[in-house]
N, C-alpha and C. Protein backbone atom coordinates (compact mmCIF):
# COMPACT_ATOMS: atom_id res chain seq x y z
N UNK A 1 -15.78 -15.63 37.83
CA UNK A 1 -15.04 -16.68 37.15
C UNK A 1 -15.36 -16.69 35.65
N UNK A 2 -16.66 -16.72 35.33
CA UNK A 2 -17.07 -16.72 33.92
C UNK A 2 -16.60 -15.45 33.23
N UNK A 3 -16.66 -14.35 33.96
CA UNK A 3 -16.20 -13.07 33.41
C UNK A 3 -14.72 -13.13 33.05
N UNK A 4 -13.90 -13.74 33.87
CA UNK A 4 -12.47 -13.89 33.60
C UNK A 4 -12.21 -14.77 32.39
N UNK A 5 -12.99 -15.82 32.25
CA UNK A 5 -12.83 -16.72 31.10
C UNK A 5 -13.19 -15.98 29.82
N UNK A 6 -14.28 -15.23 29.83
CA UNK A 6 -14.69 -14.47 28.65
C UNK A 6 -13.64 -13.41 28.31
N UNK A 7 -13.13 -12.72 29.33
CA UNK A 7 -12.09 -11.71 29.11
C UNK A 7 -10.85 -12.35 28.49
N UNK A 8 -10.44 -13.50 28.99
CA UNK A 8 -9.27 -14.19 28.47
C UNK A 8 -9.50 -14.63 27.02
N UNK A 9 -10.69 -15.12 26.72
CA UNK A 9 -11.00 -15.55 25.37
C UNK A 9 -10.97 -14.38 24.39
N UNK A 10 -11.52 -13.25 24.80
CA UNK A 10 -11.50 -12.06 23.94
C UNK A 10 -10.07 -11.58 23.74
N UNK A 11 -9.28 -11.60 24.78
CA UNK A 11 -7.87 -11.18 24.67
C UNK A 11 -7.11 -12.06 23.70
N UNK A 12 -7.34 -13.36 23.78
CA UNK A 12 -6.67 -14.29 22.86
C UNK A 12 -7.09 -14.00 21.42
N UNK A 13 -8.35 -13.76 21.18
CA UNK A 13 -8.83 -13.46 19.83
C UNK A 13 -8.20 -12.17 19.29
N UNK A 14 -8.14 -11.17 20.11
CA UNK A 14 -7.56 -9.89 19.67
C UNK A 14 -6.08 -10.05 19.37
N UNK A 15 -5.36 -10.71 20.26
CA UNK A 15 -3.92 -10.88 20.06
C UNK A 15 -3.61 -11.79 18.88
N UNK A 16 -4.45 -12.77 18.61
CA UNK A 16 -4.20 -13.65 17.48
C UNK A 16 -4.49 -12.95 16.15
N UNK A 17 -5.34 -11.93 16.17
CA UNK A 17 -5.66 -11.19 14.94
C UNK A 17 -4.64 -10.10 14.65
N UNK A 18 -3.87 -9.67 15.63
CA UNK A 18 -2.93 -8.57 15.45
C UNK A 18 -1.93 -8.80 14.33
N UNK A 19 -1.26 -9.95 14.25
CA UNK A 19 -0.32 -10.15 13.13
C UNK A 19 -1.02 -10.09 11.76
N UNK A 20 -2.22 -10.60 11.68
CA UNK A 20 -2.96 -10.57 10.42
C UNK A 20 -3.27 -9.14 10.02
N UNK A 21 -3.66 -8.31 10.96
CA UNK A 21 -3.95 -6.91 10.65
C UNK A 21 -2.70 -6.18 10.20
N UNK A 22 -1.58 -6.43 10.84
CA UNK A 22 -0.32 -5.78 10.46
C UNK A 22 0.11 -6.21 9.07
N UNK A 23 -0.09 -7.47 8.74
CA UNK A 23 0.30 -7.97 7.43
C UNK A 23 -0.51 -7.31 6.32
N UNK A 24 -1.74 -6.96 6.58
CA UNK A 24 -2.56 -6.36 5.54
C UNK A 24 -2.34 -4.86 5.41
N UNK A 25 -1.75 -4.22 6.43
CA UNK A 25 -1.55 -2.78 6.40
C UNK A 25 -0.25 -2.37 5.71
N UNK A 26 0.76 -3.22 5.79
CA UNK A 26 2.07 -2.84 5.29
C UNK A 26 2.50 -3.75 4.15
N UNK A 27 3.10 -3.15 3.15
CA UNK A 27 3.56 -3.89 1.98
C UNK A 27 4.90 -4.56 2.28
N UNK A 28 5.18 -5.58 1.52
CA UNK A 28 6.46 -6.28 1.64
C UNK A 28 7.48 -5.60 0.74
N UNK A 29 8.76 -5.87 0.95
CA UNK A 29 9.78 -5.33 0.04
C UNK A 29 9.55 -5.76 -1.41
N UNK A 30 9.07 -6.96 -1.59
CA UNK A 30 8.79 -7.45 -2.95
C UNK A 30 7.68 -6.64 -3.61
N UNK A 31 6.65 -6.30 -2.84
CA UNK A 31 5.56 -5.48 -3.38
C UNK A 31 6.05 -4.07 -3.71
N UNK A 32 6.94 -3.54 -2.90
CA UNK A 32 7.50 -2.22 -3.17
C UNK A 32 8.32 -2.23 -4.46
N UNK A 33 9.12 -3.26 -4.63
CA UNK A 33 9.93 -3.37 -5.84
C UNK A 33 9.05 -3.51 -7.08
N UNK A 34 8.00 -4.30 -6.97
CA UNK A 34 7.08 -4.47 -8.10
C UNK A 34 6.40 -3.16 -8.47
N UNK A 35 6.01 -2.37 -7.46
CA UNK A 35 5.38 -1.07 -7.71
C UNK A 35 6.37 -0.14 -8.41
N UNK A 36 7.61 -0.14 -7.95
CA UNK A 36 8.64 0.70 -8.59
C UNK A 36 8.83 0.31 -10.05
N UNK A 37 8.91 -0.98 -10.31
CA UNK A 37 9.09 -1.44 -11.69
C UNK A 37 7.90 -1.04 -12.56
N UNK A 38 6.68 -1.13 -12.03
CA UNK A 38 5.49 -0.71 -12.78
C UNK A 38 5.52 0.78 -13.04
N UNK A 39 5.97 1.56 -12.06
CA UNK A 39 6.03 3.01 -12.21
C UNK A 39 7.04 3.41 -13.29
N UNK A 40 8.19 2.77 -13.28
CA UNK A 40 9.20 3.07 -14.31
C UNK A 40 8.67 2.72 -15.69
N UNK A 41 8.01 1.58 -15.81
CA UNK A 41 7.44 1.18 -17.10
C UNK A 41 6.37 2.17 -17.56
N UNK A 42 5.56 2.65 -16.62
CA UNK A 42 4.50 3.61 -16.98
C UNK A 42 5.10 4.92 -17.47
N UNK A 43 6.16 5.39 -16.83
CA UNK A 43 6.81 6.63 -17.26
C UNK A 43 7.42 6.46 -18.64
N UNK A 44 8.03 5.32 -18.90
CA UNK A 44 8.63 5.08 -20.22
C UNK A 44 7.57 5.03 -21.31
N UNK A 45 6.38 4.53 -20.96
CA UNK A 45 5.31 4.41 -21.94
C UNK A 45 4.67 5.76 -22.26
N UNK A 46 4.30 6.51 -21.23
CA UNK A 46 3.64 7.81 -21.43
C UNK A 46 3.84 8.63 -20.15
N UNK A 47 4.80 9.53 -20.19
CA UNK A 47 5.19 10.27 -19.00
C UNK A 47 4.04 11.07 -18.40
N UNK A 48 3.32 11.82 -19.21
CA UNK A 48 2.23 12.66 -18.70
C UNK A 48 1.14 11.82 -18.06
N UNK A 49 0.75 10.75 -18.73
CA UNK A 49 -0.29 9.87 -18.19
C UNK A 49 0.18 9.20 -16.90
N UNK A 50 1.44 8.80 -16.86
CA UNK A 50 1.99 8.16 -15.67
C UNK A 50 1.94 9.10 -14.47
N UNK A 51 2.33 10.35 -14.66
CA UNK A 51 2.31 11.31 -13.55
C UNK A 51 0.88 11.54 -13.06
N UNK A 52 -0.08 11.54 -13.98
CA UNK A 52 -1.48 11.69 -13.59
C UNK A 52 -1.94 10.48 -12.77
N UNK A 53 -1.56 9.29 -13.21
CA UNK A 53 -1.94 8.08 -12.46
C UNK A 53 -1.28 8.07 -11.08
N UNK A 54 -0.05 8.54 -10.98
CA UNK A 54 0.62 8.60 -9.68
C UNK A 54 -0.13 9.54 -8.74
N UNK A 55 -0.56 10.67 -9.27
CA UNK A 55 -1.23 11.68 -8.45
C UNK A 55 -2.59 11.19 -7.94
N UNK A 56 -3.29 10.41 -8.76
CA UNK A 56 -4.63 9.95 -8.38
C UNK A 56 -4.63 8.57 -7.74
N UNK A 57 -3.51 7.85 -7.85
CA UNK A 57 -3.47 6.49 -7.34
C UNK A 57 -4.13 5.50 -8.27
N UNK A 58 -4.46 5.97 -9.45
CA UNK A 58 -5.12 5.15 -10.46
C UNK A 58 -4.23 3.96 -10.85
N UNK A 59 -4.84 2.87 -11.24
CA UNK A 59 -4.15 1.68 -11.73
C UNK A 59 -3.26 1.04 -10.66
N UNK A 60 -3.67 1.19 -9.41
CA UNK A 60 -2.95 0.53 -8.33
C UNK A 60 -1.66 1.18 -7.90
N UNK A 61 -1.49 2.46 -8.21
CA UNK A 61 -0.26 3.13 -7.80
C UNK A 61 -0.32 3.64 -6.35
N UNK A 62 -1.39 3.33 -5.63
CA UNK A 62 -1.47 3.51 -4.19
C UNK A 62 -1.97 2.19 -3.63
N UNK A 63 -1.14 1.55 -2.84
CA UNK A 63 -1.49 0.24 -2.31
C UNK A 63 -0.89 0.09 -0.92
N UNK A 64 -1.73 -0.27 0.03
CA UNK A 64 -1.31 -0.42 1.43
C UNK A 64 -0.59 0.85 1.87
N UNK A 65 0.67 0.74 2.25
CA UNK A 65 1.41 1.92 2.68
C UNK A 65 2.35 2.42 1.60
N UNK A 66 2.14 1.97 0.37
CA UNK A 66 2.98 2.36 -0.76
C UNK A 66 2.26 3.33 -1.67
N UNK A 67 3.00 4.25 -2.23
CA UNK A 67 2.48 5.12 -3.28
C UNK A 67 3.68 5.67 -4.04
N UNK A 68 3.43 6.06 -5.26
CA UNK A 68 4.48 6.65 -6.07
C UNK A 68 4.40 8.15 -5.90
N UNK A 69 5.47 8.74 -5.42
CA UNK A 69 5.52 10.19 -5.26
C UNK A 69 6.39 10.77 -6.36
N UNK A 70 5.87 11.75 -7.04
CA UNK A 70 6.62 12.37 -8.14
C UNK A 70 6.26 13.84 -8.21
N UNK A 71 7.24 14.66 -8.54
CA UNK A 71 6.92 16.08 -8.72
C UNK A 71 6.04 16.26 -9.96
N UNK A 72 5.47 17.41 -10.08
CA UNK A 72 4.68 17.71 -11.28
C UNK A 72 5.58 17.62 -12.48
N UNK A 73 5.13 16.90 -13.52
CA UNK A 73 5.99 16.80 -14.70
C UNK A 73 6.18 18.13 -15.38
N UNK A 74 7.32 18.34 -16.00
CA UNK A 74 7.54 19.61 -16.69
C UNK A 74 6.58 19.74 -17.86
N UNK A 75 6.16 20.96 -18.13
CA UNK A 75 5.26 21.19 -19.25
C UNK A 75 6.09 21.30 -20.53
N UNK A 76 5.49 20.87 -21.60
CA UNK A 76 6.18 20.95 -22.90
C UNK A 76 6.28 22.42 -23.33
N UNK A 77 7.48 22.80 -23.78
CA UNK A 77 7.63 24.19 -24.23
C UNK A 77 8.01 24.25 -25.67
């Protein structure tokens, strides 16, 4: 009997934490849009530096399940 009560209590705790864990793993559409706007602003400011930050995730360009993907910038000729 006590074993069943403990099992039920643990199950409730796990199931109640599941939505919280999912919320912290995945970004919202608003967060995605904000990241895109920051990425565009970074490219306009300094293209080479922006591509480097995208590659390393520096300055928050990798967050939750979001990241900025960009090809290698063209070299100056």
